[in-house]
C-alpha atoms as a PDB file:
ATOM      1  CA  MET A   1      -9.105 -27.422  47.834  1.00  0.00           C
ATOM      2  CA  THR A   2      -8.656 -23.770  47.667  1.00  0.00           C
ATOM      3  CA  THR A   3      -7.370 -21.464  50.988  1.00  0.00           C
ATOM      4  CA  VAL A   4     -10.507 -18.426  51.165  1.00  0.00           C
ATOM      5  CA  TYR A   5     -10.420 -15.545  53.978  1.00  0.00           C
ATOM      6  CA  VAL A   6     -13.599 -15.419  55.915  1.00  0.00           C
ATOM      7  CA  ARG A   7     -14.466 -12.253  57.708  1.00  0.00           C
ATOM      8  CA  TYR A   8     -16.889 -12.565  60.719  1.00  0.00           C
ATOM      9  CA  ASP A   9     -19.251 -10.398  62.737  1.00  0.00           C
ATOM     10  CA  SER A  10     -18.720 -10.138  66.583  1.00  0.00           C
ATOM     11  CA  VAL A  11     -21.244 -13.171  66.957  1.00  0.00           C
ATOM     12  CA  GLY A  12     -19.146 -15.731  64.466  1.00  0.00           C
ATOM     13  CA  THR A  13     -21.730 -14.889  61.322  1.00  0.00           C
ATOM     14  CA  ILE A  14     -20.212 -15.022  58.223  1.00  0.00           C
ATOM     15  CA  LEU A  15     -20.007 -11.811  56.522  1.00  0.00           C
ATOM     16  CA  GLU A  16     -17.629 -12.195  53.600  1.00  0.00           C
ATOM     17  CA  ILE A  17     -15.394 -14.572  51.680  1.00  0.00           C
ATOM     18  CA  PHE A  18     -12.603 -13.244  49.439  1.00  0.00           C
ATOM     19  CA  PHE A  19     -10.064 -15.677  47.439  1.00  0.00           C
ATOM     20  CA  ARG A  20      -7.369 -12.762  48.448  1.00  0.00           C
ATOM     21  CA  ASP A  21      -6.235 -12.393  52.055  1.00  0.00           C
ATOM     22  CA  GLN A  22      -7.028  -8.292  52.367  1.00  0.00           C
ATOM     23  CA  PRO A  23      -4.427  -6.797  54.502  1.00  0.00           C
ATOM     24  CA  ASP A  24      -6.510  -4.065  56.401  1.00  0.00           C
ATOM     25  CA  MET A  25      -9.179  -6.610  57.169  1.00  0.00           C
ATOM     26  CA  ILE A  26      -9.185  -9.122  60.273  1.00  0.00           C
ATOM     27  CA  LEU A  27      -9.727 -12.647  58.115  1.00  0.00           C
ATOM     28  CA  VAL A  28      -9.214 -15.795  59.271  1.00  0.00           C
ATOM     29  CA  ALA A  29      -8.059 -18.591  56.257  1.00  0.00           C
ATOM     30  CA  HIS A  30     -10.548 -21.730  55.496  1.00  0.00           C
ATOM     31  CA  ASP A  31     -10.426 -24.402  53.066  1.00  0.00           C
ATOM     32  CA  ASP A  32     -13.118 -23.406  50.335  1.00  0.00           C
ATOM     33  CA  LYS A  33     -14.675 -27.551  51.166  1.00  0.00           C
ATOM     34  CA  GLU A  34     -15.357 -26.752  55.104  1.00  0.00           C
ATOM     35  CA  PRO A  35     -19.019 -27.454  54.965  1.00  0.00           C
ATOM     36  CA  ALA A  36     -20.081 -23.971  56.537  1.00  0.00           C
ATOM     37  CA  ILE A  37     -17.602 -22.285  54.061  1.00  0.00           C
ATOM     38  CA  ALA A  38     -18.843 -24.790  51.527  1.00  0.00           C
ATOM     39  CA  LYS A  39     -22.649 -23.619  52.095  1.00  0.00           C
ATOM     40  CA  TYR A  40     -22.156 -20.061  52.140  1.00  0.00           C
ATOM     41  CA  LEU A  41     -20.227 -20.008  48.651  1.00  0.00           C
ATOM     42  CA  ARG A  42     -23.669 -22.398  47.639  1.00  0.00           C
ATOM     43  CA  GLY A  43     -25.723 -19.457  48.795  1.00  0.00           C
ATOM     44  CA  PRO A  44     -24.153 -16.394  50.461  1.00  0.00           C
ATOM     45  CA  LEU A  45     -28.485 -14.970  51.162  1.00  0.00           C
ATOM     46  CA  GLY A  46     -29.288 -18.354  53.085  1.00  0.00           C
ATOM     47  CA  ARG A  47     -31.611 -19.844  50.825  1.00  0.00           C
ATOM     48  CA  GLU A  48     -30.844 -22.874  50.947  1.00  0.00           C
ATOM     49  CA  ASP A  49     -31.818 -22.971  54.457  1.00  0.00           C
ATOM     50  CA  ARG A  50     -34.743 -20.833  53.305  1.00  0.00           C
ATOM     51  CA  PHE A  51     -35.912 -22.888  49.795  1.00  0.00           C
ATOM     52  CA  PRO A  52     -35.777 -26.441  50.759  1.00  0.00           C
ATOM     53  CA  PRO A  53     -36.283 -28.260  47.052  1.00  0.00           C
ATOM     54  CA  LEU A  54     -40.036 -28.972  46.767  1.00  0.00           C
ATOM     55  CA  LYS A  55     -41.988 -32.154  45.225  1.00  0.00           C
ATOM     56  CA  LYS A  56     -43.877 -31.040  41.908  1.00  0.00           C
ATOM     57  CA  TRP A  57     -46.909 -32.339  44.383  1.00  0.00           C
ATOM     58  CA  GLN A  58     -46.274 -30.124  46.806  1.00  0.00           C
ATOM     59  CA  LEU A  59     -46.370 -27.398  44.521  1.00  0.00           C
ATOM     60  CA  TRP A  60     -49.289 -27.814  42.879  1.00  0.00           C
ATOM     61  CA  LEU A  61     -51.006 -28.847  45.431  1.00  0.00           C
ATOM     62  CA  ALA A  62     -50.195 -25.745  47.267  1.00  0.00           C
ATOM     63  CA  ALA A  63     -51.382 -23.458  43.910  1.00  0.00           C
ATOM     64  CA  LEU A  64     -54.482 -25.180  44.058  1.00  0.00           C
ATOM     65  CA  GLU A  65     -55.139 -23.459  47.655  1.00  0.00           C
ATOM     66  CA  LEU A  66     -55.002 -19.912  46.261  1.00  0.00           C
ATOM     67  CA  GLU A  67     -57.862 -17.979  45.856  1.00  0.00           C
ATOM     68  CA  PRO A  68     -57.985 -18.436  42.809  1.00  0.00           C
ATOM     69  CA  PRO A  69     -56.911 -21.966  42.660  1.00  0.00           C
ATOM     70  CA  ILE A  70     -54.540 -21.741  39.667  1.00  0.00           C
ATOM     71  CA  VAL A  71     -54.483 -25.409  37.588  1.00  0.00           C
ATOM     72  CA  LYS A  72     -51.878 -27.292  35.307  1.00  0.00           C
ATOM     73  CA  ALA A  73     -53.952 -27.666  32.937  1.00  0.00           C
ATOM     74  CA  ASP A  74     -54.777 -23.626  32.933  1.00  0.00           C
ATOM     75  CA  ILE A  75     -50.976 -22.928  33.098  1.00  0.00           C
ATOM     76  CA  LEU A  76     -50.137 -24.757  30.197  1.00  0.00           C
ATOM     77  CA  ALA A  77     -52.667 -22.845  27.895  1.00  0.00           C
ATOM     78  CA  THR A  78     -51.851 -19.812  29.446  1.00  0.00           C
ATOM     79  CA  VAL A  79     -48.493 -20.157  28.286  1.00  0.00           C
ATOM     80  CA  GLY A  80     -49.139 -21.841  25.313  1.00  0.00           C
ATOM     81  CA  GLY A  81     -50.798 -18.388  24.299  1.00  0.00           C
ATOM     82  CA  MET A  82     -47.962 -15.981  25.790  1.00  0.00           C
ATOM     83  CA  ALA A  83     -47.328 -13.944  22.651  1.00  0.00           C
ATOM     84  CA  ASP A  84     -44.160 -12.129  25.013  1.00  0.00           C
ATOM     85  CA  ILE A  85     -42.209 -14.740  25.683  1.00  0.00           C
ATOM     86  CA  SER A  86     -39.791 -16.608  23.370  1.00  0.00           C
ATOM     87  CA  PHE A  87     -40.852 -20.556  22.127  1.00  0.00           C
ATOM     88  CA  LYS A  88     -37.775 -21.800  23.600  1.00  0.00           C
ATOM     89  CA  ASP A  89     -39.267 -20.397  27.303  1.00  0.00           C
ATOM     90  CA  LYS A  90     -42.950 -21.831  26.865  1.00  0.00           C
ATOM     91  CA  GLU A  91     -41.440 -25.634  26.121  1.00  0.00           C
ATOM     92  CA  THR A  92     -38.705 -24.690  29.398  1.00  0.00           C
ATOM     93  CA  ILE A  93     -42.010 -23.771  30.752  1.00  0.00           C
ATOM     94  CA  ARG A  94     -44.330 -26.793  29.876  1.00  0.00           C
ATOM     95  CA  ILE A  95     -40.808 -29.023  30.322  1.00  0.00           C
ATOM     96  CA  MET A  96     -40.653 -28.024  33.971  1.00  0.00           C
ATOM     97  CA  ILE A  97     -44.922 -28.300  34.585  1.00  0.00           C
ATOM     98  CA  GLU A  98     -45.498 -32.057  33.064  1.00  0.00           C
ATOM     99  CA  ASP A  99     -41.937 -33.830  34.085  1.00  0.00           C
ATOM    100  CA  ALA A 100     -39.866 -32.116  36.531  1.00  0.00           C
ATOM    101  CA  GLN A 101     -40.284 -34.037  39.423  1.00  0.00           C
ATOM    102  CA  ASP A 102     -38.817 -32.206  42.077  1.00  0.00           C
ATOM    103  CA  TYR A 103     -38.262 -27.869  42.006  1.00  0.00           C
ATOM    104  CA  SER A 104     -35.345 -25.448  43.270  1.00  0.00           C
ATOM    105  CA  ARG A 105     -36.868 -22.229  44.362  1.00  0.00           C
ATOM    106  CA  GLU A 106     -33.056 -20.702  43.294  1.00  0.00           C
ATOM    107  CA  ASP A 107     -33.187 -22.210  39.708  1.00  0.00           C
ATOM    108  CA  PRO A 108     -33.773 -18.983  37.493  1.00  0.00           C
ATOM    109  CA  ARG A 109     -37.049 -20.899  35.499  1.00  0.00           C
ATOM    110  CA  ILE A 110     -39.107 -20.783  38.810  1.00  0.00           C
ATOM    111  CA  ASP A 111     -39.462 -17.370  38.069  1.00  0.00           C
ATOM    112  CA  LEU A 112     -40.558 -18.372  34.821  1.00  0.00           C
ATOM    113  CA  LEU A 113     -43.017 -20.371  36.333  1.00  0.00           C
ATOM    114  CA  ALA A 114     -44.229 -17.889  38.731  1.00  0.00           C
ATOM    115  CA  VAL A 115     -44.561 -15.777  35.345  1.00  0.00           C
ATOM    116  CA  ALA A 116     -47.105 -17.411  34.059  1.00  0.00           C
ATOM    117  CA  MET A 117     -48.943 -18.629  37.129  1.00  0.00           C
ATOM    118  CA  GLY A 118     -49.173 -14.719  37.405  1.00  0.00           C
ATOM    119  CA  ILE A 119     -47.025 -15.314  41.103  1.00  0.00           C
ATOM    120  CA  PRO A 120     -45.421 -11.992  41.966  1.00  0.00           C
ATOM    121  CA  PRO A 121     -41.881 -13.749  43.545  1.00  0.00           C
ATOM    122  CA  ASN A 122     -42.468 -12.305  47.051  1.00  0.00           C
ATOM    123  CA  GLN A 123     -45.617 -14.558  46.667  1.00  0.00           C
ATOM    124  CA  MET A 124     -43.586 -17.287  44.950  1.00  0.00           C
ATOM    125  CA  ASP A 125     -41.675 -16.853  48.028  1.00  0.00           C
ATOM    126  CA  ASP A 126     -43.903 -17.262  50.448  1.00  0.00           C
ATOM    127  CA  LEU A 127     -46.173 -19.909  48.456  1.00  0.00           C
ATOM    128  CA  TRP A 128     -42.676 -21.766  48.071  1.00  0.00           C
ATOM    129  CA  ARG A 129     -41.763 -22.000  52.054  1.00  0.00           C
ATOM    130  CA  TRP A 130     -45.793 -22.888  52.771  1.00  0.00           C
ATOM    131  CA  ALA A 131     -45.269 -25.664  50.276  1.00  0.00           C
ATOM    132  CA  ALA A 132     -42.731 -26.859  51.682  1.00  0.00           C
ATOM    133  CA  GLU A 133     -44.691 -27.222  55.194  1.00  0.00           C
ATOM    134  CA  PHE A 134     -47.045 -30.091  52.420  1.00  0.00           C
ATOM    135  CA  ARG A 135     -45.966 -34.248  53.628  1.00  0.00           C
ATOM    136  CA  PRO A 136     -47.692 -36.777  51.918  1.00  0.00           C
ATOM    137  CA  LEU A 137     -50.902 -38.422  53.776  1.00  0.00           C
END
């Protein structure tokens, strides 16, 4: 347990968390293991709520629905031919495409995958939210 000091807005939303008391601020002491505090510390921007984990099939089915459709085999071929990224980054993308069962939007390697797919980060965010709505038949 670590004591943290939290500054809230007028409706109780966490604005900031400090690891030391700040003499000129109104702060409330909390245990860093309290659920709301721990969640904020994991992701202060709330991405955990906005970007749920995706199953592999959700991402790739969503990619197939794009115009033009994005196909895994095409991405693997594209990545193999990219001269501007390292062998390690190429292999990382290949492993993610072929072996990962779940994807987390917060994983920085997802941005590498987005580059390989030709998708800008903001569009990847939109694709992610849309893919999260896919359900098995």
